[in-house]
Amino acid sequence: MTVAALIVAAGRGNRAGAGLPKQYRMLAGRMVLSRTVTAFLRHPHIAQTSVVIHPDDAALYAASVCDLEPASGRLLSPPIHGGETRQDSVRWGLEAMEASAPDLVLIHDAARPHIDPALIERAIRAGETFGAAVPGCKVTDTIKIVDPDGQVVGTPDRTALRAIQTPQVFRFRDLLAAHRRAAEAGLHHFTDDGALAEWAGLAVAVFEGDAGNAKLTHPDDFKEAERRLGQDAMPYLTRLGTGFDVHAFGDGDHVWLGGIAVPHDRGVVAHSDGDVILHALTDAVLGALADGDIGTHFPPSDPQWRGASSDRFLAYAVDLVRQRGGFVDHLDATLLCERPKLGPVREAIRQRIAEIAGLRIDQVSVKATTTERLGFTGRSEGIAAQAAATIRLPEELP
């Protein structure tokens, strides 16, 4: 699925106190909006990011994005002018994105700069599963319903309550149609896209939010954000891991390469399906994590892995990266053999690896080489692969 992000930054932020709109205020040396936009531009599954701004804020917006990483420029669309209400701004943003029409769109508040990559990932997965979903945090305080005179009229069960955040995720076509229906009906009061989707008859799921994904609303929120960034924020460091795998040829009529069954006059001798490309990539990811190797996590002495599909191994390793709040940036594999030839299936293998790892295809490289008829691969006694993986993890600089 193609995924885009729409960041809503057209508000005035009056509750944040006098001065610039809150999305353009400085926070630990950078504008709030710059921090928010960067989080989405760095996420490997976001293909395009758009920002809705107030028509009067063109200069402020330009200042907020001038310090972005140069490589991110191609992923950031020109700013879109918003409307009088948040609902209008989202609709106009969606209308501007219709030409590219992503499968999923994430709607996020500009004033939530602490967005975590793991939360973005959960949003994408929830969108793929449910089509419409919002992040929610469990309510820990007792909630009271009061009348205009301040008298308590009810105490709802807090176990069924969730405090809703952004990014909220929807199938793009469904959300655009819902916004158009609301506009045609003259309804402009929705401050939450989840509520608008519910009104339009869409089934909206709730996935796990993040208590740290706080919205900057009042002056004290900025003080707390400064403290947090000063004491707790950690940079992302790039790590490199390598992997290698080899299997002898045996009886059979195909070999598994990168999750694809490739016809061949031999099979391989292996405990699992013997996919040397996926095994090497799995070890590369685990190496970047400094977390053992494939045999540590899937010991060949365990009968449950006999004949197992190797896509499970790579997906598991990639998930370990995400559990630590990190990203897989790139996977690179080289096949070493005389036969079978990689060319006819190269793109299918790249696509399959991208699917397994949850990456774009341009983040996956697959190559092949012979060994000039030298060694066991040159004598067609077996097949091998070597791989490299680059990941980013949040951690302290040395």
Protein backbone atom coordinates (compact mmCIF):
# COMPACT_ATOMS: atom_id res chain seq x y z
CA MET A 1 0.00 0.00 0.00
CA THR A 2 1.14 3.56 -0.70
CA VAL A 3 1.03 5.75 2.40
CA ALA A 4 0.99 9.54 2.64
CA ALA A 5 0.93 11.91 5.60
CA LEU A 6 -1.10 15.10 5.86
CA ILE A 7 0.03 17.46 8.62
CA VAL A 8 -2.48 20.08 9.71
CA ALA A 9 -0.68 23.35 10.48
CA ALA A 10 -3.16 26.10 9.57
CA GLY A 11 -4.38 26.95 13.09
CA ARG A 12 -3.60 30.03 15.12
CA GLY A 13 -2.96 28.32 18.47
CA ASN A 14 -4.44 31.11 20.60
CA ARG A 15 -4.45 29.03 23.81
CA ALA A 16 -0.66 28.77 23.65
CA GLY A 17 -0.32 32.45 24.53
CA ALA A 18 0.78 35.55 22.67
CA GLY A 19 3.29 35.35 19.85
CA LEU A 20 3.68 33.25 16.74
CA PRO A 21 1.27 30.40 16.00
CA LYS A 22 2.48 27.50 18.14
CA GLN A 23 3.59 25.36 15.20
CA TYR A 24 6.18 28.01 14.32
CA ARG A 25 7.55 28.60 17.80
CA MET A 26 11.03 27.47 18.69
CA LEU A 27 11.42 24.29 20.69
CA ALA A 28 14.96 23.41 21.78
CA GLY A 29 16.41 25.35 18.85
CA ARG A 30 14.02 24.18 16.13
CA MET A 31 10.54 25.15 15.05
CA VAL A 32 7.80 22.81 16.24
CA LEU A 33 6.61 22.16 12.69
CA SER A 34 10.12 21.28 11.57
CA ARG A 35 10.29 18.55 14.22
CA THR A 36 6.88 17.18 13.27
CA VAL A 37 7.54 17.12 9.53
CA THR A 38 10.95 15.51 10.00
CA ALA A 39 9.43 12.56 11.87
CA PHE A 40 7.28 11.67 8.86
CA LEU A 41 9.93 12.37 6.23
CA ARG A 42 12.32 9.99 7.98
CA HIS A 43 9.84 7.15 8.22
CA PRO A 44 10.60 4.58 5.50
CA HIS A 45 6.95 3.74 4.80
CA ILE A 46 5.73 7.31 4.20
CA ALA A 47 5.96 7.95 0.46
CA GLN A 48 4.77 11.56 0.54
CA THR A 49 4.19 14.25 3.17
CA SER A 50 1.96 17.30 2.72
CA VAL A 51 1.41 20.23 5.08
CA VAL A 52 -1.70 22.42 5.26
CA ILE A 53 -0.82 25.98 6.30
CA HIS A 54 -2.59 29.31 6.82
CA PRO A 55 -2.39 31.50 3.69
CA ASP A 56 -0.58 34.19 5.72
CA ASP A 57 2.16 31.83 6.93
CA ALA A 58 4.12 31.18 3.73
CA ALA A 59 7.31 32.82 5.05
CA LEU A 60 7.06 31.07 8.41
CA TYR A 61 6.53 27.74 6.70
CA ALA A 62 9.55 28.28 4.46
CA ALA A 63 11.65 29.00 7.55
CA SER A 64 10.38 25.86 9.25
CA VAL A 65 11.49 23.53 6.44
CA CYS A 66 14.71 25.25 5.36
CA ASP A 67 16.82 23.08 7.70
CA LEU A 68 15.39 19.72 6.61
CA GLU A 69 17.72 17.03 5.30
CA PRO A 70 18.27 17.61 1.55
CA ALA A 71 17.30 14.03 0.69
CA SER A 72 13.88 14.63 2.23
CA GLY A 73 12.92 17.32 -0.26
CA ARG A 74 11.51 14.92 -2.85
CA LEU A 75 9.14 13.47 -0.23
CA LEU A 76 7.69 16.84 0.81
CA SER A 77 4.93 18.30 -1.35
CA PRO A 78 4.37 22.07 -1.75
CA PRO A 79 2.30 23.53 1.10
CA ILE A 80 -1.49 23.58 0.81
CA HIS A 81 -3.58 26.55 1.99
CA GLY A 82 -6.08 25.65 4.67
CA GLY A 83 -9.57 26.90 5.50
CA GLU A 84 -11.36 28.54 8.42
CA THR A 85 -11.74 25.34 10.44
CA ARG A 86 -9.58 22.29 10.97
CA GLN A 87 -12.15 20.24 9.09
CA ASP A 88 -11.95 22.59 6.10
CA SER A 89 -8.14 22.43 6.17
CA VAL A 90 -8.09 18.64 6.14
CA ARG A 91 -10.58 18.50 3.28
CA TRP A 92 -8.61 20.95 1.19
CA GLY A 93 -5.46 18.99 1.92
CA LEU A 94 -7.15 15.79 0.77
CA GLU A 95 -8.45 17.46 -2.36
CA ALA A 96 -4.92 18.60 -3.22
CA MET A 97 -3.64 15.03 -2.76
CA GLU A 98 -6.29 13.45 -4.99
CA ALA A 99 -4.07 13.46 -8.08
CA SER A 100 -1.58 11.11 -6.39
CA ALA A 101 -4.34 9.27 -4.44
CA PRO A 102 -2.39 7.16 -1.92
CA ASP A 103 -3.98 4.02 -0.54
CA LEU A 104 -3.73 5.27 3.05
CA VAL A 105 -3.42 8.74 4.51
CA LEU A 106 -2.28 9.64 8.02
CA ILE A 107 -3.73 12.88 9.43
CA HIS A 108 -1.52 14.44 12.12
CA ASP A 109 -1.55 17.61 14.22
CA ALA A 110 1.45 19.86 13.62
CA ALA A 111 1.53 20.61 17.37
CA ARG A 112 2.42 17.00 18.24
CA PRO A 113 6.20 17.08 17.58
CA HIS A 114 7.01 14.10 19.84
CA ILE A 115 5.61 11.62 17.32
CA ASP A 116 7.44 8.32 17.69
CA PRO A 117 8.34 6.17 14.64
CA ALA A 118 6.82 3.14 16.34
CA LEU A 119 3.47 4.98 16.62
CA ILE A 120 3.58 5.86 12.92
CA GLU A 121 4.25 2.19 12.19
CA ARG A 122 1.29 1.10 14.34
CA ALA A 123 -0.92 3.59 12.53
CA ILE A 124 0.07 2.20 9.14
CA ARG A 125 -0.54 -1.39 10.24
CA ALA A 126 -3.92 -0.42 11.71
CA GLY A 127 -4.85 1.31 8.46
CA GLU A 128 -3.95 -1.76 6.43
CA THR A 129 -6.02 -3.95 8.76
CA PHE A 130 -9.08 -1.80 9.49
CA GLY A 131 -9.21 0.95 6.86
CA ALA A 132 -10.01 3.59 9.50
CA ALA A 133 -8.27 3.76 12.88
CA VAL A 134 -7.24 6.26 15.55
CA PRO A 135 -4.61 6.02 18.31
CA GLY A 136 -5.96 5.99 21.85
CA CYS A 137 -4.49 5.92 25.34
CA LYS A 138 -6.23 4.34 28.30
CA VAL A 139 -7.76 6.86 30.70
CA THR A 140 -6.22 6.61 34.17
CA ASP A 141 -8.25 9.33 35.93
CA THR A 142 -11.89 8.95 36.90
CA ILE A 143 -14.09 10.89 34.49
CA LYS A 144 -17.20 12.81 35.56
CA ILE A 145 -20.03 14.11 33.39
CA VAL A 146 -21.31 17.42 34.72
CA ASP A 147 -24.27 19.65 33.89
CA PRO A 148 -24.08 23.42 33.20
CA ASP A 149 -24.23 24.09 36.94
CA GLY A 150 -21.24 21.88 37.67
CA GLN A 151 -23.25 19.07 39.22
CA VAL A 152 -22.16 15.50 38.52
CA VAL A 153 -24.70 13.63 36.40
CA GLY A 154 -22.68 10.53 35.54
CA THR A 155 -19.46 8.59 36.00
CA PRO A 156 -18.62 6.51 32.91
CA ASP A 157 -16.62 3.31 33.20
CA ARG A 158 -13.08 4.43 32.44
CA THR A 159 -12.04 0.97 31.22
CA ALA A 160 -14.04 1.64 28.06
CA LEU A 161 -12.63 5.17 27.55
CA ARG A 162 -9.68 6.21 25.41
CA ALA A 163 -8.00 9.58 24.98
CA ILE A 164 -7.68 9.96 21.20
CA GLN A 165 -4.58 11.34 19.48
CA THR A 166 -3.13 11.66 16.00
CA PRO A 167 -1.92 10.38 13.57
CA GLN A 168 -5.28 9.00 12.53
CA VAL A 169 -5.26 6.73 9.50
CA PHE A 170 -7.84 6.11 6.79
CA ARG A 171 -8.23 4.73 3.33
CA PHE A 172 -7.70 7.88 1.31
CA ARG A 173 -10.75 7.52 -0.94
CA ASP A 174 -13.05 6.79 2.01
CA LEU A 175 -11.91 9.81 4.03
CA LEU A 176 -12.11 12.21 1.06
CA ALA A 177 -15.65 11.01 0.29
CA ALA A 178 -16.65 11.47 3.95
CA HIS A 179 -15.29 15.02 4.01
CA ARG A 180 -17.11 15.90 0.81
CA ARG A 181 -20.38 14.54 2.22
CA ALA A 182 -19.98 16.60 5.40
CA ALA A 183 -19.25 19.74 3.40
CA GLU A 184 -22.28 19.18 1.16
CA ALA A 185 -24.41 18.73 4.29
CA GLY A 186 -23.13 22.06 5.64
CA LEU A 187 -21.46 20.40 8.65
CA HIS A 188 -18.21 22.04 9.69
CA HIS A 189 -18.02 21.29 13.41
CA PHE A 190 -15.88 18.14 13.37
CA THR A 191 -12.56 18.69 15.16
CA ASP A 192 -11.52 15.06 14.77
CA ASP A 193 -11.37 13.03 11.57
CA GLY A 194 -12.31 9.89 13.45
CA ALA A 195 -15.59 11.51 14.52
CA LEU A 196 -16.29 12.64 10.96
CA ALA A 197 -15.59 9.12 9.69
CA GLU A 198 -18.01 7.71 12.29
CA TRP A 199 -20.67 10.19 11.18
CA ALA A 200 -20.13 9.03 7.59
CA GLY A 201 -20.78 5.43 8.62
CA LEU A 202 -17.20 4.14 8.56
CA ALA A 203 -16.17 1.58 11.17
CA VAL A 204 -13.32 3.17 13.15
CA ALA A 205 -10.92 1.05 15.21
CA VAL A 206 -8.66 2.22 18.04
CA PHE A 207 -5.02 1.13 18.20
CA GLU A 208 -2.48 1.73 20.95
CA GLY A 209 -1.46 5.37 21.29
CA ASP A 210 1.59 6.88 22.98
CA ALA A 211 1.43 8.87 26.20
CA GLY A 212 4.51 10.80 25.07
CA ASN A 213 2.73 11.99 21.92
CA ALA A 214 1.51 15.10 23.71
CA LYS A 215 -0.11 18.04 21.93
CA LEU A 216 1.30 21.51 22.59
CA THR A 217 -1.70 23.57 23.64
CA HIS A 218 -0.85 25.78 26.64
CA PRO A 219 2.32 27.73 27.59
CA ASP A 220 3.26 25.13 30.20
CA ASP A 221 3.24 22.46 27.50
CA PHE A 222 6.17 24.21 25.84
CA LYS A 223 8.10 24.30 29.11
CA GLU A 224 7.58 20.56 29.58
CA ALA A 225 8.57 19.89 25.96
CA GLU A 226 11.79 21.89 26.40
CA ARG A 227 12.60 19.87 29.51
CA ARG A 228 11.88 16.62 27.75
CA LEU A 229 13.98 17.42 24.71
CA GLY A 230 16.80 18.68 26.85
CA GLN A 231 16.97 15.62 29.08
CA ASP A 232 15.40 12.70 27.30
CA ALA A 233 15.70 13.13 23.54
CA MET A 234 18.18 10.78 21.87
CA PRO A 235 19.56 10.97 18.33
CA TYR A 236 19.19 8.18 15.82
CA LEU A 237 22.42 6.43 14.97
CA THR A 238 22.91 4.28 11.91
CA ARG A 239 24.14 0.72 12.42
CA LEU A 240 25.42 -1.71 9.80
CA GLY A 241 25.13 -5.49 10.00
CA THR A 242 26.31 -8.22 7.62
CA GLY A 243 25.19 -11.80 7.06
CA PHE A 244 26.25 -14.88 5.12
CA ASP A 245 24.57 -18.21 4.40
CA VAL A 246 25.35 -21.29 2.34
CA HIS A 247 23.55 -24.52 1.47
CA ALA A 248 24.62 -27.57 -0.48
CA PHE A 249 22.57 -28.66 -3.46
CA GLY A 250 20.51 -31.84 -3.09
CA ASP A 251 17.55 -33.52 -4.69
CA GLY A 252 14.68 -31.30 -5.79
CA ASP A 253 13.21 -29.25 -8.60
CA HIS A 254 13.43 -25.70 -7.17
CA VAL A 255 15.30 -23.46 -4.75
CA TRP A 256 13.87 -20.70 -2.57
CA LEU A 257 15.51 -17.32 -3.19
CA GLY A 258 14.30 -14.18 -1.47
CA GLY A 259 10.90 -15.70 -0.74
CA ILE A 260 10.37 -16.87 -4.35
CA ALA A 261 10.37 -20.51 -5.46
CA VAL A 262 12.77 -20.56 -8.44
CA PRO A 263 12.64 -23.62 -10.76
CA HIS A 264 15.96 -25.49 -10.84
CA ASP A 265 17.21 -29.02 -11.50
CA ARG A 266 18.39 -29.30 -7.89
CA GLY A 267 17.04 -28.45 -4.44
CA VAL A 268 19.05 -27.63 -1.31
CA VAL A 269 19.88 -29.56 1.83
CA ALA A 270 18.54 -27.49 4.74
CA HIS A 271 16.62 -27.65 8.00
CA SER A 272 14.17 -24.94 6.91
CA ASP A 273 13.38 -24.07 3.29
CA GLY A 274 17.05 -23.20 2.72
CA ASP A 275 16.50 -19.66 1.39
CA VAL A 276 20.07 -18.35 1.46
CA ILE A 277 19.07 -14.78 0.61
CA LEU A 278 16.54 -14.46 3.43
CA HIS A 279 18.85 -16.25 5.87
CA ALA A 280 21.71 -13.87 5.07
CA LEU A 281 19.44 -10.82 5.34
CA THR A 282 18.07 -12.06 8.67
CA ASP A 283 21.60 -12.40 10.06
CA ALA A 284 22.47 -8.94 8.73
CA VAL A 285 19.55 -7.34 10.58
CA LEU A 286 20.31 -9.28 13.76
CA GLY A 287 23.95 -8.26 13.42
CA ALA A 288 23.02 -4.60 13.22
CA LEU A 289 21.05 -5.11 16.43
CA ALA A 290 23.98 -6.98 18.03
CA ASP A 291 21.42 -9.67 18.91
CA GLY A 292 22.97 -12.99 17.98
CA ASP A 293 22.28 -14.77 14.73
CA ILE A 294 19.54 -16.78 13.07
CA GLY A 295 20.59 -19.94 14.91
CA THR A 296 20.25 -18.14 18.25
CA HIS A 297 16.62 -17.25 17.62
CA PHE A 298 15.64 -20.27 15.47
CA PRO A 299 17.90 -23.16 16.50
CA PRO A 300 18.08 -25.98 13.94
CA SER A 301 17.79 -28.45 16.83
CA ASP A 302 14.20 -27.30 17.34
CA PRO A 303 11.88 -29.46 15.18
CA GLN A 304 9.29 -26.67 14.83
CA TRP A 305 11.57 -24.94 12.31
CA ARG A 306 11.95 -28.00 10.08
CA GLY A 307 10.86 -26.93 6.60
CA ALA A 308 9.85 -23.49 7.90
CA SER A 309 9.30 -20.64 5.46
CA SER A 310 12.21 -18.23 5.85
CA ASP A 311 10.06 -15.13 5.42
CA ARG A 312 9.14 -15.66 9.10
CA PHE A 313 12.79 -15.25 10.10
CA LEU A 314 13.33 -11.95 8.29
CA ALA A 315 9.98 -10.53 9.43
CA TYR A 316 10.89 -11.44 13.01
CA ALA A 317 14.28 -9.69 12.81
CA VAL A 318 12.76 -6.55 11.31
CA ASP A 319 10.10 -6.51 14.04
CA LEU A 320 12.87 -6.58 16.67
CA VAL A 321 14.22 -3.36 15.16
CA ARG A 322 10.79 -1.72 15.35
CA GLN A 323 10.25 -2.88 18.93
CA ARG A 324 13.34 -0.86 19.84
CA GLY A 325 11.89 2.23 18.15
CA GLY A 326 14.13 1.92 15.10
CA PHE A 327 13.93 1.59 11.32
CA VAL A 328 15.40 -0.64 8.69
CA ASP A 329 16.79 1.78 6.13
CA HIS A 330 18.18 -0.58 3.48
CA LEU A 331 18.68 -4.27 2.71
CA ASP A 332 21.29 -5.46 0.22
CA ALA A 333 21.91 -9.09 -0.80
CA THR A 334 24.31 -10.74 -3.24
CA LEU A 335 23.69 -14.28 -4.51
CA LEU A 336 26.77 -16.41 -5.27
CA CYS A 337 26.17 -19.29 -7.70
CA GLU A 338 26.58 -20.43 -11.28
CA ARG A 339 22.91 -21.36 -11.58
CA PRO A 340 20.03 -20.60 -11.35
CA LYS A 341 20.27 -17.20 -13.00
CA LEU A 342 18.91 -14.32 -10.95
CA GLY A 343 17.97 -11.95 -13.77
CA PRO A 344 14.51 -13.35 -14.64
CA VAL A 345 13.33 -13.24 -11.02
CA ARG A 346 15.31 -10.32 -9.60
CA GLU A 347 12.43 -7.83 -9.45
CA ALA A 348 10.02 -10.41 -8.04
CA ILE A 349 12.55 -11.16 -5.29
CA ARG A 350 13.04 -7.46 -4.51
CA GLN A 351 9.29 -7.00 -4.28
CA ARG A 352 8.87 -10.03 -2.03
CA ILE A 353 11.66 -8.92 0.34
CA ALA A 354 10.10 -5.45 0.49
CA GLU A 355 6.76 -7.01 1.43
CA ILE A 356 8.29 -9.21 4.14
CA ALA A 357 10.28 -6.35 5.69
CA GLY A 358 7.61 -3.68 5.21
CA LEU A 359 9.89 -1.53 3.05
CA ARG A 360 9.65 0.29 -0.25
CA ILE A 361 11.19 -1.62 -3.14
CA ASP A 362 13.82 1.11 -3.56
CA GLN A 363 15.12 0.14 -0.12
CA VAL A 364 15.95 -3.38 -1.30
CA SER A 365 18.89 -4.33 -3.51
CA VAL A 366 19.48 -7.83 -4.89
CA LYS A 367 22.52 -8.74 -6.99
CA ALA A 368 24.21 -11.91 -8.20
CA THR A 369 27.70 -13.01 -9.14
CA THR A 370 29.49 -16.18 -10.09
CA THR A 371 32.84 -17.21 -8.60
CA GLU A 372 34.41 -17.79 -12.02
CA ARG A 373 33.92 -21.55 -11.56
CA LEU A 374 36.12 -21.53 -8.47
CA GLY A 375 35.20 -23.19 -5.18
CA PHE A 376 32.07 -25.12 -4.28
CA THR A 377 29.76 -22.58 -5.93
CA GLY A 378 31.87 -22.64 -9.09
CA ARG A 379 31.60 -26.42 -9.16
CA SER A 380 27.79 -26.10 -8.70
CA GLU A 381 27.94 -28.02 -5.43
CA GLY A 382 25.98 -25.39 -3.53
CA ILE A 383 24.64 -21.87 -3.33
CA ALA A 384 25.52 -18.94 -1.05
CA ALA A 385 24.48 -15.38 -0.30
CA GLN A 386 25.97 -12.46 1.58
CA ALA A 387 23.96 -9.49 2.80
CA ALA A 388 24.15 -6.13 4.52
CA ALA A 389 21.49 -4.23 6.46
CA THR A 390 21.51 -0.65 7.65
CA ILE A 391 19.19 0.31 10.48
CA ARG A 392 18.62 3.33 12.71
CA LEU A 393 18.13 3.04 16.44
CA PRO A 394 17.53 5.74 19.05
CA GLU A 395 20.51 5.72 21.40
CA GLU A 396 23.02 7.91 23.17
CA LEU A 397 25.94 9.28 21.19
CA PRO A 398 29.25 7.87 22.45
